[in-house]
Amino acid sequence: MHSILHLHFLETLSFNALFIPGLLIFFYNLLIKALQKIHPEKEINNMVYHPKFPIIVLITVLAFWLFRNIPVYPFTILAP
């Protein structure tokens, strides 16, 4: 969290590559909710509430966890 607050995005990625995509999804969700409050007459679809979204997140996190622990070159980049 310290490195993201100091805008050191590459250092943040070196600690956990899923942190920045997680933040982007969080801010996307906040943006969509704000737009829905500003323009209630427009229907804005939020991808976070799609039924397949939790499954995609689960598969992504499990794959990252699995590949991060493989001690072979391309996957060692994922580990800190």
PDB file of N, CA and C in Angstrom:
ATOM      1  N   MET A   1       0.822  -1.176   0.000  1.00  0.00           N
ATOM      2  CA  MET A   1       0.000   0.000   0.000  1.00  0.00           C
ATOM      3  C   MET A   1       0.876   1.252   0.000  1.00  0.00           C
ATOM      4  N   HIS A   2       2.009   1.185   0.658  1.00  0.00           N
ATOM      5  CA  HIS A   2       2.909   2.333   0.723  1.00  0.00           C
ATOM      6  C   HIS A   2       3.369   2.742  -0.666  1.00  0.00           C
ATOM      7  N   SER A   3       3.742   1.775  -1.487  1.00  0.00           N
ATOM      8  CA  SER A   3       4.263   2.105  -2.816  1.00  0.00           C
ATOM      9  C   SER A   3       3.181   2.655  -3.741  1.00  0.00           C
ATOM     10  N   ILE A   4       1.948   2.203  -3.606  1.00  0.00           N
ATOM     11  CA  ILE A   4       0.883   2.737  -4.470  1.00  0.00           C
ATOM     12  C   ILE A   4       0.523   4.161  -4.045  1.00  0.00           C
ATOM     13  N   LEU A   5       0.585   4.460  -2.746  1.00  0.00           N
ATOM     14  CA  LEU A   5       0.291   5.813  -2.283  1.00  0.00           C
ATOM     15  C   LEU A   5       1.368   6.808  -2.708  1.00  0.00           C
ATOM     16  N   HIS A   6       2.590   6.315  -2.910  1.00  0.00           N
ATOM     17  CA  HIS A   6       3.679   7.167  -3.387  1.00  0.00           C
ATOM     18  C   HIS A   6       3.831   7.103  -4.905  1.00  0.00           C
ATOM     19  N   LEU A   7       2.823   6.498  -5.561  1.00  0.00           N
ATOM     20  CA  LEU A   7       2.757   6.402  -7.025  1.00  0.00           C
ATOM     21  C   LEU A   7       3.924   5.635  -7.625  1.00  0.00           C
ATOM     22  N   HIS A   8       4.407   4.635  -6.913  1.00  0.00           N
ATOM     23  CA  HIS A   8       5.447   3.739  -7.434  1.00  0.00           C
ATOM     24  C   HIS A   8       4.762   2.472  -7.947  1.00  0.00           C
ATOM     25  N   PHE A   9       4.193   2.588  -9.158  1.00  0.00           N
ATOM     26  CA  PHE A   9       3.366   1.501  -9.686  1.00  0.00           C
ATOM     27  C   PHE A   9       4.181   0.258 -10.036  1.00  0.00           C
ATOM     28  N   LEU A  10       5.397   0.426 -10.531  1.00  0.00           N
ATOM     29  CA  LEU A  10       6.216  -0.744 -10.853  1.00  0.00           C
ATOM     30  C   LEU A  10       6.614  -1.500  -9.590  1.00  0.00           C
ATOM     31  N   GLU A  11       6.881  -0.775  -8.534  1.00  0.00           N
ATOM     32  CA  GLU A  11       7.200  -1.433  -7.265  1.00  0.00           C
ATOM     33  C   GLU A  11       5.974  -2.166  -6.718  1.00  0.00           C
ATOM     34  N   THR A  12       4.806  -1.571  -6.887  1.00  0.00           N
ATOM     35  CA  THR A  12       3.572  -2.220  -6.462  1.00  0.00           C
ATOM     36  C   THR A  12       3.356  -3.508  -7.243  1.00  0.00           C
ATOM     37  N   LEU A  13       3.603  -3.453  -8.536  1.00  0.00           N
ATOM     38  CA  LEU A  13       3.468  -4.664  -9.358  1.00  0.00           C
ATOM     39  C   LEU A  13       4.462  -5.737  -8.945  1.00  0.00           C
ATOM     40  N   SER A  14       5.633  -5.329  -8.475  1.00  0.00           N
ATOM     41  CA  SER A  14       6.616  -6.333  -8.061  1.00  0.00           C
ATOM     42  C   SER A  14       6.169  -7.051  -6.790  1.00  0.00           C
ATOM     43  N   PHE A  15       5.382  -6.382  -5.939  1.00  0.00           N
ATOM     44  CA  PHE A  15       4.871  -7.041  -4.737  1.00  0.00           C
ATOM     45  C   PHE A  15       3.700  -7.958  -5.047  1.00  0.00           C
ATOM     46  N   ASN A  16       2.758  -7.477  -5.841  1.00  0.00           N
ATOM     47  CA  ASN A  16       1.582  -8.270  -6.176  1.00  0.00           C
ATOM     48  C   ASN A  16       0.997  -7.739  -7.479  1.00  0.00           C
ATOM     49  N   ALA A  17       1.045  -8.541  -8.520  1.00  0.00           N
ATOM     50  CA  ALA A  17       0.612  -8.110  -9.842  1.00  0.00           C
ATOM     51  C   ALA A  17      -0.907  -7.944  -9.934  1.00  0.00           C
ATOM     52  N   LEU A  18      -1.649  -8.467  -8.990  1.00  0.00           N
ATOM     53  CA  LEU A  18      -3.105  -8.340  -9.033  1.00  0.00           C
ATOM     54  C   LEU A  18      -3.618  -7.110  -8.283  1.00  0.00           C
ATOM     55  N   PHE A  19      -2.736  -6.386  -7.622  1.00  0.00           N
ATOM     56  CA  PHE A  19      -3.178  -5.240  -6.832  1.00  0.00           C
ATOM     57  C   PHE A  19      -3.716  -4.114  -7.713  1.00  0.00           C
ATOM     58  N   ILE A  20      -3.003  -3.775  -8.762  1.00  0.00           N
ATOM     59  CA  ILE A  20      -3.429  -2.670  -9.630  1.00  0.00           C
ATOM     60  C   ILE A  20      -4.692  -3.022 -10.413  1.00  0.00           C
ATOM     61  N   PRO A  21      -4.811  -4.222 -11.010  1.00  0.00           N
ATOM     62  CA  PRO A  21      -6.101  -4.549 -11.638  1.00  0.00           C
ATOM     63  C   PRO A  21      -7.260  -4.545 -10.633  1.00  0.00           C
ATOM     64  N   GLY A  22      -6.996  -4.957  -9.394  1.00  0.00           N
ATOM     65  CA  GLY A  22      -8.027  -4.912  -8.370  1.00  0.00           C
ATOM     66  C   GLY A  22      -8.463  -3.490  -8.061  1.00  0.00           C
ATOM     67  N   LEU A  23      -7.497  -2.580  -7.999  1.00  0.00           N
ATOM     68  CA  LEU A  23      -7.830  -1.171  -7.789  1.00  0.00           C
ATOM     69  C   LEU A  23      -8.612  -0.596  -8.965  1.00  0.00           C
ATOM     70  N   LEU A  24      -8.238  -0.987 -10.175  1.00  0.00           N
ATOM     71  CA  LEU A  24      -8.960  -0.498 -11.353  1.00  0.00           C
ATOM     72  C   LEU A  24     -10.410  -0.961 -11.347  1.00  0.00           C
ATOM     73  N   ILE A  25     -10.646  -2.206 -10.958  1.00  0.00           N
ATOM     74  CA  ILE A  25     -12.016  -2.715 -10.869  1.00  0.00           C
ATOM     75  C   ILE A  25     -12.786  -1.979  -9.780  1.00  0.00           C
ATOM     76  N   PHE A  26     -12.130  -1.711  -8.653  1.00  0.00           N
ATOM     77  CA  PHE A  26     -12.766  -0.980  -7.561  1.00  0.00           C
ATOM     78  C   PHE A  26     -13.189   0.421  -8.007  1.00  0.00           C
ATOM     79  N   PHE A  27     -12.277   1.150  -8.661  1.00  0.00           N
ATOM     80  CA  PHE A  27     -12.592   2.504  -9.101  1.00  0.00           C
ATOM     81  C   PHE A  27     -13.601   2.504 -10.256  1.00  0.00           C
ATOM     82  N   TYR A  28     -13.569   1.477 -11.097  1.00  0.00           N
ATOM     83  CA  TYR A  28     -14.580   1.338 -12.150  1.00  0.00           C
ATOM     84  C   TYR A  28     -15.969   1.221 -11.523  1.00  0.00           C
ATOM     85  N   ASN A  29     -16.073   0.392 -10.505  1.00  0.00           N
ATOM     86  CA  ASN A  29     -17.352   0.195  -9.834  1.00  0.00           C
ATOM     87  C   ASN A  29     -17.833   1.498  -9.198  1.00  0.00           C
ATOM     88  N   LEU A  30     -16.928   2.243  -8.551  1.00  0.00           N
ATOM     89  CA  LEU A  30     -17.297   3.532  -7.974  1.00  0.00           C
ATOM     90  C   LEU A  30     -17.747   4.516  -9.048  1.00  0.00           C
ATOM     91  N   LEU A  31     -17.060   4.533 -10.186  1.00  0.00           N
ATOM     92  CA  LEU A  31     -17.415   5.435 -11.275  1.00  0.00           C
ATOM     93  C   LEU A  31     -18.805   5.121 -11.821  1.00  0.00           C
ATOM     94  N   ILE A  32     -19.091   3.856 -12.036  1.00  0.00           N
ATOM     95  CA  ILE A  32     -20.406   3.461 -12.555  1.00  0.00           C
ATOM     96  C   ILE A  32     -21.506   3.832 -11.566  1.00  0.00           C
ATOM     97  N   LYS A  33     -21.265   3.600 -10.276  1.00  0.00           N
ATOM     98  CA  LYS A  33     -22.272   3.969  -9.274  1.00  0.00           C
ATOM     99  C   LYS A  33     -22.495   5.474  -9.234  1.00  0.00           C
ATOM    100  N   ALA A  34     -21.427   6.253  -9.368  1.00  0.00           N
ATOM    101  CA  ALA A  34     -21.564   7.716  -9.379  1.00  0.00           C
ATOM    102  C   ALA A  34     -22.335   8.170 -10.614  1.00  0.00           C
ATOM    103  N   LEU A  35     -22.030   7.573 -11.772  1.00  0.00           N
ATOM    104  CA  LEU A  35     -22.747   7.934 -12.994  1.00  0.00           C
ATOM    105  C   LEU A  35     -24.228   7.575 -12.904  1.00  0.00           C
ATOM    106  N   GLN A  36     -24.542   6.473 -12.232  1.00  0.00           N
ATOM    107  CA  GLN A  36     -25.941   6.089 -12.066  1.00  0.00           C
ATOM    108  C   GLN A  36     -26.680   7.056 -11.150  1.00  0.00           C
ATOM    109  N   LYS A  37     -25.982   7.613 -10.169  1.00  0.00           N
ATOM    110  CA  LYS A  37     -26.631   8.604  -9.293  1.00  0.00           C
ATOM    111  C   LYS A  37     -26.812   9.937 -10.007  1.00  0.00           C
ATOM    112  N   ILE A  38     -25.854  10.286 -10.873  1.00  0.00           N
ATOM    113  CA  ILE A  38     -25.941  11.545 -11.605  1.00  0.00           C
ATOM    114  C   ILE A  38     -27.014  11.473 -12.684  1.00  0.00           C
ATOM    115  N   HIS A  39     -27.058  10.344 -13.401  1.00  0.00           N
ATOM    116  CA  HIS A  39     -28.020  10.151 -14.493  1.00  0.00           C
ATOM    117  C   HIS A  39     -28.891   8.927 -14.198  1.00  0.00           C
ATOM    118  N   PRO A  40     -29.861   9.046 -13.308  1.00  0.00           N
ATOM    119  CA  PRO A  40     -30.678   7.864 -12.969  1.00  0.00           C
ATOM    120  C   PRO A  40     -31.568   7.395 -14.113  1.00  0.00           C
ATOM    121  N   GLU A  41     -31.823   8.267 -15.099  1.00  0.00           N
ATOM    122  CA  GLU A  41     -32.682   7.873 -16.216  1.00  0.00           C
ATOM    123  C   GLU A  41     -31.968   6.940 -17.188  1.00  0.00           C
ATOM    124  N   LYS A  42     -30.635   6.991 -17.208  1.00  0.00           N
ATOM    125  CA  LYS A  42     -29.871   6.109 -18.093  1.00  0.00           C
ATOM    126  C   LYS A  42     -29.550   4.814 -17.369  1.00  0.00           C
ATOM    127  N   GLU A  43     -29.665   3.712 -18.105  1.00  0.00           N
ATOM    128  CA  GLU A  43     -29.291   2.426 -17.525  1.00  0.00           C
ATOM    129  C   GLU A  43     -27.857   2.118 -17.934  1.00  0.00           C
ATOM    130  N   ILE A  44     -26.975   2.105 -16.968  1.00  0.00           N
ATOM    131  CA  ILE A  44     -25.556   1.835 -17.217  1.00  0.00           C
ATOM    132  C   ILE A  44     -25.249   0.456 -16.643  1.00  0.00           C
ATOM    133  N   ASN A  45     -24.826  -0.452 -17.499  1.00  0.00           N
ATOM    134  CA  ASN A  45     -24.509  -1.799 -17.049  1.00  0.00           C
ATOM    135  C   ASN A  45     -23.160  -1.813 -16.346  1.00  0.00           C
ATOM    136  N   ASN A  46     -23.133  -2.471 -15.207  1.00  0.00           N
ATOM    137  CA  ASN A  46     -21.917  -2.601 -14.430  1.00  0.00           C
ATOM    138  C   ASN A  46     -21.411  -4.026 -14.556  1.00  0.00           C
ATOM    139  N   MET A  47     -20.210  -4.205 -15.103  1.00  0.00           N
ATOM    140  CA  MET A  47     -19.690  -5.555 -15.331  1.00  0.00           C
ATOM    141  C   MET A  47     -19.398  -6.285 -14.029  1.00  0.00           C
ATOM    142  N   VAL A  48     -19.252  -5.561 -12.928  1.00  0.00           N
ATOM    143  CA  VAL A  48     -18.960  -6.195 -11.648  1.00  0.00           C
ATOM    144  C   VAL A  48     -20.152  -7.030 -11.175  1.00  0.00           C
ATOM    145  N   TYR A  49     -21.350  -6.676 -11.586  1.00  0.00           N
ATOM    146  CA  TYR A  49     -22.540  -7.408 -11.167  1.00  0.00           C
ATOM    147  C   TYR A  49     -22.975  -8.474 -12.166  1.00  0.00           C
ATOM    148  N   HIS A  50     -22.163  -8.736 -13.170  1.00  0.00           N
ATOM    149  CA  HIS A  50     -22.467  -9.813 -14.118  1.00  0.00           C
ATOM    150  C   HIS A  50     -22.300 -11.149 -13.394  1.00  0.00           C
ATOM    151  N   PRO A  51     -23.169 -12.110 -13.655  1.00  0.00           N
ATOM    152  CA  PRO A  51     -23.098 -13.388 -12.932  1.00  0.00           C
ATOM    153  C   PRO A  51     -21.782 -14.148 -13.107  1.00  0.00           C
ATOM    154  N   LYS A  52     -21.095 -13.947 -14.211  1.00  0.00           N
ATOM    155  CA  LYS A  52     -19.847 -14.675 -14.443  1.00  0.00           C
ATOM    156  C   LYS A  52     -18.625 -13.962 -13.872  1.00  0.00           C
ATOM    157  N   PHE A  53     -18.776 -12.736 -13.420  1.00  0.00           N
ATOM    158  CA  PHE A  53     -17.635 -11.966 -12.930  1.00  0.00           C
ATOM    159  C   PHE A  53     -16.951 -12.614 -11.723  1.00  0.00           C
ATOM    160  N   PRO A  54     -17.683 -13.088 -10.699  1.00  0.00           N
ATOM    161  CA  PRO A  54     -16.985 -13.738  -9.571  1.00  0.00           C
ATOM    162  C   PRO A  54     -16.231 -14.994  -9.986  1.00  0.00           C
ATOM    163  N   ILE A  55     -16.758 -15.715 -10.957  1.00  0.00           N
ATOM    164  CA  ILE A  55     -16.074 -16.920 -11.431  1.00  0.00           C
ATOM    165  C   ILE A  55     -14.779 -16.548 -12.140  1.00  0.00           C
ATOM    166  N   ILE A  56     -14.813 -15.502 -12.947  1.00  0.00           N
ATOM    167  CA  ILE A  56     -13.609 -15.040 -13.647  1.00  0.00           C
ATOM    168  C   ILE A  56     -12.566 -14.561 -12.651  1.00  0.00           C
ATOM    169  N   VAL A  57     -12.996 -13.839 -11.626  1.00  0.00           N
ATOM    170  CA  VAL A  57     -12.056 -13.368 -10.601  1.00  0.00           C
ATOM    171  C   VAL A  57     -11.455 -14.554  -9.852  1.00  0.00           C
ATOM    172  N   LEU A  58     -12.269 -15.522  -9.492  1.00  0.00           N
ATOM    173  CA  LEU A  58     -11.771 -16.701  -8.787  1.00  0.00           C
ATOM    174  C   LEU A  58     -10.752 -17.463  -9.630  1.00  0.00           C
ATOM    175  N   ILE A  59     -11.052 -17.688 -10.897  1.00  0.00           N
ATOM    176  CA  ILE A  59     -10.117 -18.396 -11.781  1.00  0.00           C
ATOM    177  C   ILE A  59      -8.824 -17.608 -11.940  1.00  0.00           C
ATOM    178  N   THR A  60      -8.918 -16.286 -12.073  1.00  0.00           N
ATOM    179  CA  THR A  60      -7.731 -15.450 -12.217  1.00  0.00           C
ATOM    180  C   THR A  60      -6.857 -15.517 -10.971  1.00  0.00           C
ATOM    181  N   VAL A  61      -7.465 -15.404  -9.804  1.00  0.00           N
ATOM    182  CA  VAL A  61      -6.695 -15.438  -8.554  1.00  0.00           C
ATOM    183  C   VAL A  61      -6.066 -16.808  -8.339  1.00  0.00           C
ATOM    184  N   LEU A  62      -6.807 -17.877  -8.592  1.00  0.00           N
ATOM    185  CA  LEU A  62      -6.253 -19.222  -8.428  1.00  0.00           C
ATOM    186  C   LEU A  62      -5.130 -19.497  -9.416  1.00  0.00           C
ATOM    187  N   ALA A  63      -5.292 -19.051 -10.658  1.00  0.00           N
ATOM    188  CA  ALA A  63      -4.227 -19.245 -11.653  1.00  0.00           C
ATOM    189  C   ALA A  63      -2.987 -18.446 -11.272  1.00  0.00           C
ATOM    190  N   PHE A  64      -3.178 -17.213 -10.816  1.00  0.00           N
ATOM    191  CA  PHE A  64      -2.043 -16.408 -10.378  1.00  0.00           C
ATOM    192  C   PHE A  64      -1.329 -17.066  -9.204  1.00  0.00           C
ATOM    193  N   TRP A  65      -2.088 -17.558  -8.243  1.00  0.00           N
ATOM    194  CA  TRP A  65      -1.518 -18.218  -7.073  1.00  0.00           C
ATOM    195  C   TRP A  65      -0.733 -19.473  -7.479  1.00  0.00           C
ATOM    196  N   LEU A  66      -1.297 -20.235  -8.399  1.00  0.00           N
ATOM    197  CA  LEU A  66      -0.633 -21.450  -8.859  1.00  0.00           C
ATOM    198  C   LEU A  66       0.638 -21.126  -9.633  1.00  0.00           C
ATOM    199  N   PHE A  67       0.556 -20.232 -10.615  1.00  0.00           N
ATOM    200  CA  PHE A  67       1.713 -19.914 -11.449  1.00  0.00           C
ATOM    201  C   PHE A  67       2.796 -19.177 -10.673  1.00  0.00           C
ATOM    202  N   ARG A  68       2.413 -18.422  -9.671  1.00  0.00           N
ATOM    203  CA  ARG A  68       3.385 -17.676  -8.881  1.00  0.00           C
ATOM    204  C   ARG A  68       4.310 -18.605  -8.102  1.00  0.00           C
ATOM    205  N   ASN A  69       3.838 -19.797  -7.776  1.00  0.00           N
ATOM    206  CA  ASN A  69       4.610 -20.733  -6.968  1.00  0.00           C
ATOM    207  C   ASN A  69       5.371 -21.767  -7.790  1.00  0.00           C
ATOM    208  N   ILE A  70       5.383 -21.648  -9.101  1.00  0.00           N
ATOM    209  CA  ILE A  70       6.167 -22.547  -9.942  1.00  0.00           C
ATOM    210  C   ILE A  70       7.563 -21.956 -10.094  1.00  0.00           C
ATOM    211  N   PRO A  71       8.604 -22.706  -9.696  1.00  0.00           N
ATOM    212  CA  PRO A  71       9.967 -22.149  -9.715  1.00  0.00           C
ATOM    213  C   PRO A  71      10.663 -22.272 -11.070  1.00  0.00           C
ATOM    214  N   VAL A  72      10.002 -21.882 -12.139  1.00  0.00           N
ATOM    215  CA  VAL A  72      10.562 -21.901 -13.481  1.00  0.00           C
ATOM    216  C   VAL A  72      10.527 -20.475 -14.006  1.00  0.00           C
ATOM    217  N   TYR A  73      11.480 -20.117 -14.881  1.00  0.00           N
ATOM    218  CA  TYR A  73      11.713 -18.707 -15.277  1.00  0.00           C
ATOM    219  C   TYR A  73      10.473 -17.870 -15.564  1.00  0.00           C
ATOM    220  N   PRO A  74       9.608 -18.174 -16.496  1.00  0.00           N
ATOM    221  CA  PRO A  74       8.589 -17.158 -16.760  1.00  0.00           C
ATOM    222  C   PRO A  74       7.684 -16.893 -15.565  1.00  0.00           C
ATOM    223  N   PHE A  75       7.542 -17.872 -14.697  1.00  0.00           N
ATOM    224  CA  PHE A  75       6.633 -17.718 -13.569  1.00  0.00           C
ATOM    225  C   PHE A  75       7.307 -17.082 -12.351  1.00  0.00           C
ATOM    226  N   THR A  76       8.618 -17.113 -12.307  1.00  0.00           N
ATOM    227  CA  THR A  76       9.315 -16.498 -11.171  1.00  0.00           C
ATOM    228  C   THR A  76       9.197 -14.973 -11.216  1.00  0.00           C
ATOM    229  N   ILE A  77       8.818 -14.425 -12.347  1.00  0.00           N
ATOM    230  CA  ILE A  77       8.621 -12.974 -12.447  1.00  0.00           C
ATOM    231  C   ILE A  77       7.436 -12.558 -11.572  1.00  0.00           C
ATOM    232  N   LEU A  78       6.462 -13.438 -11.393  1.00  0.00           N
ATOM    233  CA  LEU A  78       5.268 -13.115 -10.607  1.00  0.00           C
ATOM    234  C   LEU A  78       5.547 -13.041  -9.110  1.00  0.00           C
ATOM    235  N   ALA A  79       6.570 -13.738  -8.639  1.00  0.00           N
ATOM    236  CA  ALA A  79       6.890 -13.753  -7.209  1.00  0.00           C
ATOM    237  C   ALA A  79       7.714 -12.514  -6.855  1.00  0.00           C
ATOM    238  N   PRO A  80       7.543 -12.023  -5.627  1.00  0.00           N
ATOM    239  CA  PRO A  80       8.310 -10.826  -5.227  1.00  0.00           C
ATOM    240  C   PRO A  80       9.793 -11.108  -5.054  1.00  0.00           C
TER     241      PRO A  80
END
